[in-house]
Amino acid sequence: WAGAWQLTDDVAVRAHQATLADAQVMTAIGRGNPPEARDPFVISRRQGTSAAWGTAFLFGPEAGPVTVTLQPGAVDGQLRPVESGFALEATDDGGRDLFVWTDEGEMTFGDLQLIGGAALVSWRGGQLSRVLVAEGSQVVLNGQTWPGE
């Protein structure tokens, strides 16, 4: 699912959502703060014993297509349920952002290893551009560790 709301002539909010099972998505424009402002909102729901989804929000001018995926991580080479760790990946023609989270202590997502809780890793133009790591966490990618020791 994807939606876009034009806020000004130059700025739009785009939301892209990935789910691991079918979900019902409802969108609307609601009252904001101040009340005359109109703010977009999204409600997702699913009937079942569990639900997992991730939403990426992009701010700025409308651009090319965005792909959002939700992927489970692995511990000792075995995939784990997304409830214990996942990667939310958003890619567009400008780059790639990967948000990773786990409560397992250590998890891998392809060639990225997360130790701790969470991180956001970004690539622009095919080059690693940013690694933001939650306090107490580390990311190991291509033999380099963030934060550095």
N, C-alpha and C. Protein backbone atom coordinates (compact mmCIF):
# COMPACT_ATOMS: atom_id res chain seq x y z
N TRP A 1 0.83 -1.17 0.00
CA TRP A 1 0.00 0.00 0.00
C TRP A 1 0.88 1.24 0.00
N ALA A 2 0.43 2.28 -0.69
CA ALA A 2 1.15 3.56 -0.70
C ALA A 2 0.14 4.68 -0.83
N GLY A 3 0.47 5.82 -0.22
CA GLY A 3 -0.37 7.00 -0.32
C GLY A 3 0.49 8.25 -0.26
N ALA A 4 -0.02 9.34 -0.80
CA ALA A 4 0.72 10.61 -0.79
C ALA A 4 -0.25 11.74 -0.49
N TRP A 5 0.23 12.71 0.29
CA TRP A 5 -0.53 13.89 0.63
C TRP A 5 0.33 15.10 0.32
N GLN A 6 -0.18 16.02 -0.51
CA GLN A 6 0.55 17.23 -0.87
C GLN A 6 0.29 18.27 0.21
N LEU A 7 1.35 18.70 0.91
CA LEU A 7 1.20 19.68 1.99
C LEU A 7 1.34 21.11 1.50
N THR A 8 2.32 21.33 0.64
CA THR A 8 2.52 22.63 0.00
C THR A 8 2.83 22.34 -1.47
N ASP A 9 3.09 23.39 -2.23
CA ASP A 9 3.44 23.17 -3.64
C ASP A 9 4.72 22.35 -3.79
N ASP A 10 5.62 22.44 -2.80
CA ASP A 10 6.92 21.78 -2.90
C ASP A 10 7.08 20.55 -2.01
N VAL A 11 6.20 20.35 -1.07
CA VAL A 11 6.41 19.29 -0.07
C VAL A 11 5.21 18.35 -0.03
N ALA A 12 5.53 17.07 -0.08
CA ALA A 12 4.51 16.03 0.06
C ALA A 12 4.96 15.06 1.15
N VAL A 13 4.00 14.40 1.77
CA VAL A 13 4.28 13.29 2.68
C VAL A 13 3.84 12.03 1.94
N ARG A 14 4.76 11.08 1.83
CA ARG A 14 4.43 9.81 1.20
C ARG A 14 4.57 8.72 2.25
N ALA A 15 3.59 7.85 2.31
CA ALA A 15 3.63 6.71 3.22
C ALA A 15 3.58 5.44 2.38
N HIS A 16 4.45 4.51 2.70
CA HIS A 16 4.51 3.22 1.99
C HIS A 16 4.54 2.13 3.06
N GLN A 17 3.65 1.17 2.93
CA GLN A 17 3.52 0.16 3.97
C GLN A 17 3.70 -1.25 3.40
N ALA A 18 4.44 -2.06 4.15
CA ALA A 18 4.62 -3.47 3.82
C ALA A 18 4.02 -4.29 4.95
N THR A 19 3.29 -5.35 4.59
CA THR A 19 2.71 -6.25 5.60
C THR A 19 3.13 -7.67 5.26
N LEU A 20 3.17 -8.51 6.27
CA LEU A 20 3.49 -9.92 6.04
C LEU A 20 2.25 -10.74 5.74
N ALA A 21 1.08 -10.16 5.92
CA ALA A 21 -0.18 -10.83 5.59
C ALA A 21 -1.14 -9.75 5.12
N ASP A 22 -2.22 -10.15 4.47
CA ASP A 22 -3.18 -9.17 3.99
C ASP A 22 -3.70 -8.33 5.15
N ALA A 23 -3.84 -7.04 4.89
CA ALA A 23 -4.34 -6.12 5.90
C ALA A 23 -5.29 -5.15 5.24
N GLN A 24 -6.19 -4.60 6.04
CA GLN A 24 -7.09 -3.57 5.57
C GLN A 24 -6.47 -2.23 5.94
N VAL A 25 -6.40 -1.31 4.98
CA VAL A 25 -5.80 0.00 5.20
C VAL A 25 -6.84 1.06 4.93
N MET A 26 -6.99 1.99 5.87
CA MET A 26 -7.91 3.11 5.70
C MET A 26 -7.11 4.39 5.83
N THR A 27 -7.39 5.36 4.98
CA THR A 27 -6.70 6.64 5.05
C THR A 27 -7.73 7.77 5.03
N ALA A 28 -7.32 8.90 5.56
CA ALA A 28 -8.19 10.07 5.56
C ALA A 28 -7.36 11.31 5.86
N ILE A 29 -7.99 12.44 5.76
CA ILE A 29 -7.40 13.71 6.19
C ILE A 29 -8.20 14.15 7.41
N GLY A 30 -7.50 14.35 8.51
CA GLY A 30 -8.17 14.71 9.75
C GLY A 30 -7.82 16.12 10.20
N ARG A 31 -8.45 16.54 11.27
CA ARG A 31 -8.15 17.85 11.85
C ARG A 31 -6.80 17.79 12.52
N GLY A 32 -6.06 18.85 12.38
CA GLY A 32 -4.73 18.90 12.95
C GLY A 32 -4.65 19.83 14.13
N ASN A 33 -3.47 20.31 14.40
CA ASN A 33 -3.23 21.27 15.47
C ASN A 33 -2.43 22.41 14.88
N PRO A 34 -3.01 23.54 14.62
CA PRO A 34 -4.34 24.03 15.00
C PRO A 34 -5.46 23.32 14.23
N PRO A 35 -6.70 23.43 14.72
CA PRO A 35 -7.80 22.67 14.13
C PRO A 35 -8.03 22.91 12.64
N GLU A 36 -7.68 24.08 12.13
CA GLU A 36 -7.90 24.32 10.70
C GLU A 36 -6.89 23.59 9.82
N ALA A 37 -5.81 23.10 10.41
CA ALA A 37 -4.82 22.30 9.65
C ALA A 37 -5.44 20.95 9.33
N ARG A 38 -5.06 20.40 8.20
CA ARG A 38 -5.55 19.09 7.80
C ARG A 38 -4.37 18.14 7.75
N ASP A 39 -4.40 17.11 8.58
CA ASP A 39 -3.30 16.16 8.69
C ASP A 39 -3.73 14.79 8.17
N PRO A 40 -2.85 14.15 7.39
CA PRO A 40 -3.17 12.80 6.91
C PRO A 40 -3.00 11.77 8.03
N PHE A 41 -3.82 10.73 8.00
CA PHE A 41 -3.59 9.60 8.90
C PHE A 41 -3.93 8.30 8.20
N VAL A 42 -3.33 7.24 8.73
CA VAL A 42 -3.47 5.90 8.16
C VAL A 42 -3.80 4.93 9.28
N ILE A 43 -4.78 4.09 9.06
CA ILE A 43 -5.10 3.02 10.00
C ILE A 43 -4.96 1.70 9.26
N SER A 44 -4.20 0.77 9.83
CA SER A 44 -4.05 -0.57 9.26
C SER A 44 -4.59 -1.56 10.27
N ARG A 45 -5.30 -2.54 9.77
CA ARG A 45 -5.79 -3.58 10.68
C ARG A 45 -5.81 -4.92 9.96
N ARG A 46 -5.71 -5.94 10.78
CA ARG A 46 -5.69 -7.31 10.27
C ARG A 46 -6.34 -8.20 11.30
N GLN A 47 -7.13 -9.15 10.84
CA GLN A 47 -7.73 -10.12 11.74
C GLN A 47 -6.88 -11.37 11.73
N GLY A 48 -6.51 -11.86 12.90
CA GLY A 48 -5.71 -13.06 12.99
C GLY A 48 -5.02 -13.15 14.32
N THR A 49 -4.12 -14.13 14.44
CA THR A 49 -3.42 -14.33 15.71
C THR A 49 -2.19 -13.45 15.85
N SER A 50 -1.70 -12.89 14.74
CA SER A 50 -0.56 -11.98 14.81
C SER A 50 -0.58 -11.07 13.58
N ALA A 51 0.12 -9.96 13.71
CA ALA A 51 0.20 -9.02 12.60
C ALA A 51 1.56 -8.36 12.64
N ALA A 52 2.14 -8.15 11.48
CA ALA A 52 3.41 -7.45 11.39
C ALA A 52 3.39 -6.59 10.14
N TRP A 53 3.73 -5.33 10.31
CA TRP A 53 3.84 -4.45 9.17
C TRP A 53 4.82 -3.34 9.50
N GLY A 54 5.30 -2.72 8.48
CA GLY A 54 6.20 -1.59 8.64
C GLY A 54 5.79 -0.50 7.68
N THR A 55 5.92 0.74 8.12
CA THR A 55 5.55 1.88 7.29
C THR A 55 6.73 2.82 7.19
N ALA A 56 7.05 3.23 5.99
CA ALA A 56 8.09 4.22 5.75
C ALA A 56 7.41 5.52 5.34
N PHE A 57 7.81 6.62 5.98
CA PHE A 57 7.31 7.95 5.64
C PHE A 57 8.42 8.72 4.95
N LEU A 58 8.12 9.32 3.83
CA LEU A 58 9.09 10.13 3.09
C LEU A 58 8.54 11.55 3.01
N PHE A 59 9.41 12.52 3.25
CA PHE A 59 9.02 13.92 3.25
C PHE A 59 9.82 14.64 2.18
N GLY A 60 9.18 15.49 1.41
CA GLY A 60 9.87 16.24 0.38
C GLY A 60 9.04 16.26 -0.89
N PRO A 61 9.65 16.62 -1.99
CA PRO A 61 8.90 16.66 -3.25
C PRO A 61 8.55 15.24 -3.71
N GLU A 62 7.45 15.13 -4.41
CA GLU A 62 7.05 13.83 -4.98
C GLU A 62 8.18 13.34 -5.88
N ALA A 63 8.52 12.09 -5.76
CA ALA A 63 9.63 11.54 -6.53
C ALA A 63 9.19 10.22 -7.15
N GLY A 64 10.16 9.44 -7.61
CA GLY A 64 9.89 8.17 -8.25
C GLY A 64 9.30 7.15 -7.29
N PRO A 65 9.08 5.94 -7.79
CA PRO A 65 8.46 4.89 -6.98
C PRO A 65 9.34 4.47 -5.80
N VAL A 66 8.67 4.06 -4.75
CA VAL A 66 9.34 3.58 -3.54
C VAL A 66 8.92 2.14 -3.31
N THR A 67 9.88 1.31 -2.91
CA THR A 67 9.61 -0.07 -2.56
C THR A 67 9.89 -0.24 -1.07
N VAL A 68 8.94 -0.80 -0.35
CA VAL A 68 9.10 -1.04 1.08
C VAL A 68 8.92 -2.53 1.34
N THR A 69 9.86 -3.12 2.05
CA THR A 69 9.76 -4.54 2.40
C THR A 69 10.04 -4.72 3.88
N LEU A 70 9.44 -5.72 4.44
CA LEU A 70 9.64 -6.11 5.83
C LEU A 70 10.25 -7.50 5.81
N GLN A 71 11.44 -7.64 6.42
CA GLN A 71 12.18 -8.89 6.33
C GLN A 71 12.54 -9.40 7.72
N PRO A 72 12.43 -10.70 7.95
CA PRO A 72 12.88 -11.26 9.23
C PRO A 72 14.40 -11.32 9.27
N GLY A 73 14.94 -11.33 10.46
CA GLY A 73 16.38 -11.51 10.64
C GLY A 73 16.71 -12.95 10.98
N ALA A 74 17.99 -13.24 11.09
CA ALA A 74 18.44 -14.61 11.38
C ALA A 74 19.34 -14.60 12.62
N VAL A 75 19.24 -15.67 13.38
CA VAL A 75 20.13 -15.93 14.51
C VAL A 75 20.76 -17.29 14.26
N ASP A 76 22.08 -17.33 14.26
CA ASP A 76 22.82 -18.57 13.97
C ASP A 76 22.35 -19.22 12.66
N GLY A 77 22.07 -18.38 11.66
CA GLY A 77 21.68 -18.87 10.34
C GLY A 77 20.23 -19.28 10.20
N GLN A 78 19.47 -19.19 11.28
CA GLN A 78 18.05 -19.58 11.24
C GLN A 78 17.16 -18.35 11.29
N LEU A 79 16.24 -18.23 10.32
CA LEU A 79 15.32 -17.10 10.32
C LEU A 79 14.45 -17.14 11.57
N ARG A 80 14.22 -15.97 12.12
CA ARG A 80 13.40 -15.82 13.32
C ARG A 80 12.11 -15.10 12.95
N PRO A 81 11.06 -15.23 13.74
CA PRO A 81 9.82 -14.49 13.46
C PRO A 81 10.07 -12.98 13.59
N VAL A 82 9.32 -12.19 12.82
CA VAL A 82 9.54 -10.74 12.86
C VAL A 82 9.24 -10.14 14.23
N GLU A 83 8.50 -10.84 15.06
CA GLU A 83 8.25 -10.34 16.42
C GLU A 83 9.53 -10.24 17.24
N SER A 84 10.58 -10.97 16.85
CA SER A 84 11.84 -10.91 17.60
C SER A 84 12.93 -10.13 16.88
N GLY A 85 12.66 -9.69 15.65
CA GLY A 85 13.63 -8.86 14.94
C GLY A 85 13.28 -8.76 13.47
N PHE A 86 13.49 -7.59 12.91
CA PHE A 86 13.15 -7.37 11.51
C PHE A 86 14.00 -6.26 10.91
N ALA A 87 13.98 -6.23 9.58
CA ALA A 87 14.54 -5.11 8.83
C ALA A 87 13.40 -4.52 8.01
N LEU A 88 13.24 -3.22 8.10
CA LEU A 88 12.30 -2.49 7.26
C LEU A 88 13.13 -1.73 6.25
N GLU A 89 12.99 -2.10 4.98
CA GLU A 89 13.81 -1.52 3.93
C GLU A 89 12.95 -0.67 3.02
N ALA A 90 13.40 0.57 2.77
CA ALA A 90 12.74 1.46 1.82
C ALA A 90 13.76 1.88 0.78
N THR A 91 13.43 1.64 -0.49
CA THR A 91 14.33 2.02 -1.58
C THR A 91 13.56 2.89 -2.58
N ASP A 92 14.27 3.86 -3.12
CA ASP A 92 13.73 4.67 -4.20
C ASP A 92 14.87 5.02 -5.13
N ASP A 93 14.61 5.85 -6.13
CA ASP A 93 15.66 6.15 -7.10
C ASP A 93 16.82 6.93 -6.49
N GLY A 94 16.65 7.46 -5.28
CA GLY A 94 17.72 8.20 -4.62
C GLY A 94 18.59 7.38 -3.70
N GLY A 95 18.09 6.22 -3.26
CA GLY A 95 18.90 5.43 -2.34
C GLY A 95 18.11 4.36 -1.62
N ARG A 96 18.67 3.97 -0.49
CA ARG A 96 18.14 2.86 0.29
C ARG A 96 18.29 3.18 1.77
N ASP A 97 17.24 2.95 2.55
CA ASP A 97 17.28 3.09 4.01
C ASP A 97 16.86 1.76 4.61
N LEU A 98 17.61 1.32 5.60
CA LEU A 98 17.34 0.04 6.26
C LEU A 98 17.27 0.28 7.76
N PHE A 99 16.07 0.12 8.34
CA PHE A 99 15.89 0.20 9.78
C PHE A 99 15.89 -1.23 10.30
N VAL A 100 16.76 -1.54 11.25
CA VAL A 100 16.85 -2.89 11.81
C VAL A 100 16.60 -2.84 13.31
N TRP A 101 15.92 -3.86 13.81
CA TRP A 101 15.59 -3.95 15.23
C TRP A 101 15.57 -5.41 15.64
N THR A 102 16.00 -5.67 16.88
CA THR A 102 15.88 -7.01 17.45
C THR A 102 15.79 -6.93 18.97
N ASP A 103 15.12 -7.92 19.54
CA ASP A 103 15.18 -8.09 20.99
C ASP A 103 15.93 -9.37 21.35
N GLU A 104 16.59 -9.98 20.36
CA GLU A 104 17.36 -11.22 20.55
C GLU A 104 18.79 -10.94 21.03
N GLY A 105 19.22 -9.68 21.01
CA GLY A 105 20.59 -9.36 21.41
C GLY A 105 21.54 -9.28 20.24
N GLU A 106 21.39 -10.19 19.28
CA GLU A 106 22.24 -10.20 18.09
C GLU A 106 21.47 -10.86 16.95
N MET A 107 21.49 -10.21 15.77
CA MET A 107 20.74 -10.74 14.64
C MET A 107 21.42 -10.27 13.36
N THR A 108 21.29 -11.09 12.30
CA THR A 108 21.86 -10.69 11.01
C THR A 108 20.73 -10.50 9.99
N PHE A 109 21.02 -9.57 9.07
CA PHE A 109 20.10 -9.23 7.99
C PHE A 109 20.96 -9.16 6.74
N GLY A 110 21.08 -10.27 6.03
CA GLY A 110 22.00 -10.32 4.89
C GLY A 110 23.43 -10.15 5.38
N ASP A 111 24.14 -9.15 4.87
CA ASP A 111 25.53 -8.92 5.27
C ASP A 111 25.66 -7.94 6.42
N LEU A 112 24.54 -7.53 7.02
CA LEU A 112 24.57 -6.61 8.16
C LEU A 112 24.29 -7.38 9.44
N GLN A 113 25.12 -7.13 10.45
CA GLN A 113 24.93 -7.75 11.77
C GLN A 113 24.56 -6.66 12.75
N LEU A 114 23.48 -6.86 13.50
CA LEU A 114 23.05 -5.93 14.54
C LEU A 114 23.31 -6.57 15.88
N ILE A 115 24.03 -5.86 16.73
CA ILE A 115 24.28 -6.30 18.10
C ILE A 115 23.62 -5.25 18.99
N GLY A 116 22.66 -5.66 19.80
CA GLY A 116 21.95 -4.70 20.63
C GLY A 116 20.52 -4.55 20.18
N GLY A 117 20.05 -3.30 20.05
CA GLY A 117 18.64 -3.09 19.82
C GLY A 117 18.21 -2.61 18.45
N ALA A 118 18.79 -1.50 17.95
CA ALA A 118 18.26 -0.93 16.71
C ALA A 118 19.29 -0.04 16.02
N ALA A 119 19.08 0.15 14.70
CA ALA A 119 19.95 1.03 13.92
C ALA A 119 19.23 1.41 12.64
N LEU A 120 19.68 2.52 12.05
CA LEU A 120 19.23 2.96 10.74
C LEU A 120 20.46 3.13 9.87
N VAL A 121 20.48 2.43 8.73
CA VAL A 121 21.63 2.47 7.82
C VAL A 121 21.12 2.97 6.48
N SER A 122 21.82 3.95 5.90
CA SER A 122 21.38 4.58 4.65
C SER A 122 22.48 4.55 3.60
N TRP A 123 22.05 4.37 2.35
CA TRP A 123 22.94 4.43 1.19
C TRP A 123 22.36 5.46 0.23
N ARG A 124 23.21 6.28 -0.36
CA ARG A 124 22.80 7.22 -1.40
C ARG A 124 23.74 7.04 -2.58
N GLY A 125 23.18 6.93 -3.77
CA GLY A 125 24.00 6.74 -4.95
C GLY A 125 24.86 5.49 -4.88
N GLY A 126 24.36 4.46 -4.19
CA GLY A 126 25.10 3.21 -4.07
C GLY A 126 26.20 3.22 -3.02
N GLN A 127 26.39 4.36 -2.33
CA GLN A 127 27.45 4.48 -1.32
C GLN A 127 26.83 4.60 0.07
N LEU A 128 27.44 3.93 1.04
CA LEU A 128 27.01 4.05 2.42
C LEU A 128 27.12 5.52 2.83
N SER A 129 26.03 6.09 3.33
CA SER A 129 26.04 7.51 3.66
C SER A 129 25.80 7.81 5.13
N ARG A 130 25.16 6.88 5.86
CA ARG A 130 24.85 7.18 7.26
C ARG A 130 24.59 5.89 8.02
N VAL A 131 25.10 5.84 9.25
CA VAL A 131 24.79 4.75 10.17
C VAL A 131 24.43 5.38 11.51
N LEU A 132 23.17 5.27 11.89
CA LEU A 132 22.71 5.77 13.19
C LEU A 132 22.42 4.55 14.06
N VAL A 133 23.03 4.51 15.22
CA VAL A 133 22.95 3.33 16.08
C VAL A 133 22.34 3.71 17.42
N ALA A 134 21.35 2.94 17.89
CA ALA A 134 20.75 3.19 19.19
C ALA A 134 21.78 2.97 20.29
N GLU A 135 21.60 3.67 21.39
CA GLU A 135 22.52 3.55 22.52
C GLU A 135 22.63 2.09 22.95
N GLY A 136 23.85 1.63 23.13
CA GLY A 136 24.09 0.25 23.54
C GLY A 136 24.11 -0.75 22.40
N SER A 137 23.95 -0.27 21.17
CA SER A 137 23.92 -1.16 20.01
C SER A 137 25.15 -0.96 19.14
N GLN A 138 25.40 -1.94 18.26
CA GLN A 138 26.47 -1.86 17.28
C GLN A 138 25.98 -2.46 15.97
N VAL A 139 26.54 -1.96 14.87
CA VAL A 139 26.29 -2.51 13.54
C VAL A 139 27.63 -2.93 12.97
N VAL A 140 27.69 -4.14 12.41
CA VAL A 140 28.87 -4.62 11.71
C VAL A 140 28.48 -4.81 10.25
N LEU A 141 29.19 -4.12 9.35
CA LEU A 141 28.89 -4.17 7.93
C LEU A 141 30.20 -4.07 7.17
N ASN A 142 30.44 -5.04 6.29
CA ASN A 142 31.67 -5.07 5.48
C ASN A 142 32.92 -4.99 6.34
N GLY A 143 32.92 -5.66 7.47
CA GLY A 143 34.08 -5.71 8.34
C GLY A 143 34.30 -4.47 9.20
N GLN A 144 33.41 -3.48 9.10
CA GLN A 144 33.54 -2.26 9.90
C GLN A 144 32.43 -2.24 10.95
N THR A 145 32.78 -1.72 12.14
CA THR A 145 31.83 -1.68 13.25
C THR A 145 31.46 -0.22 13.54
N TRP A 146 30.14 0.04 13.75
CA TRP A 146 29.65 1.33 14.20
C TRP A 146 28.91 1.14 15.48
N PRO A 147 29.02 1.99 16.48
CA PRO A 147 30.03 3.03 16.48
C PRO A 147 31.40 2.41 16.60
N GLY A 148 32.39 3.13 16.09
CA GLY A 148 33.77 2.62 16.12
C GLY A 148 34.27 2.45 17.53
N GLU A 149 35.28 1.61 17.66
CA GLU A 149 35.81 1.34 19.00
C GLU A 149 37.02 2.19 19.27
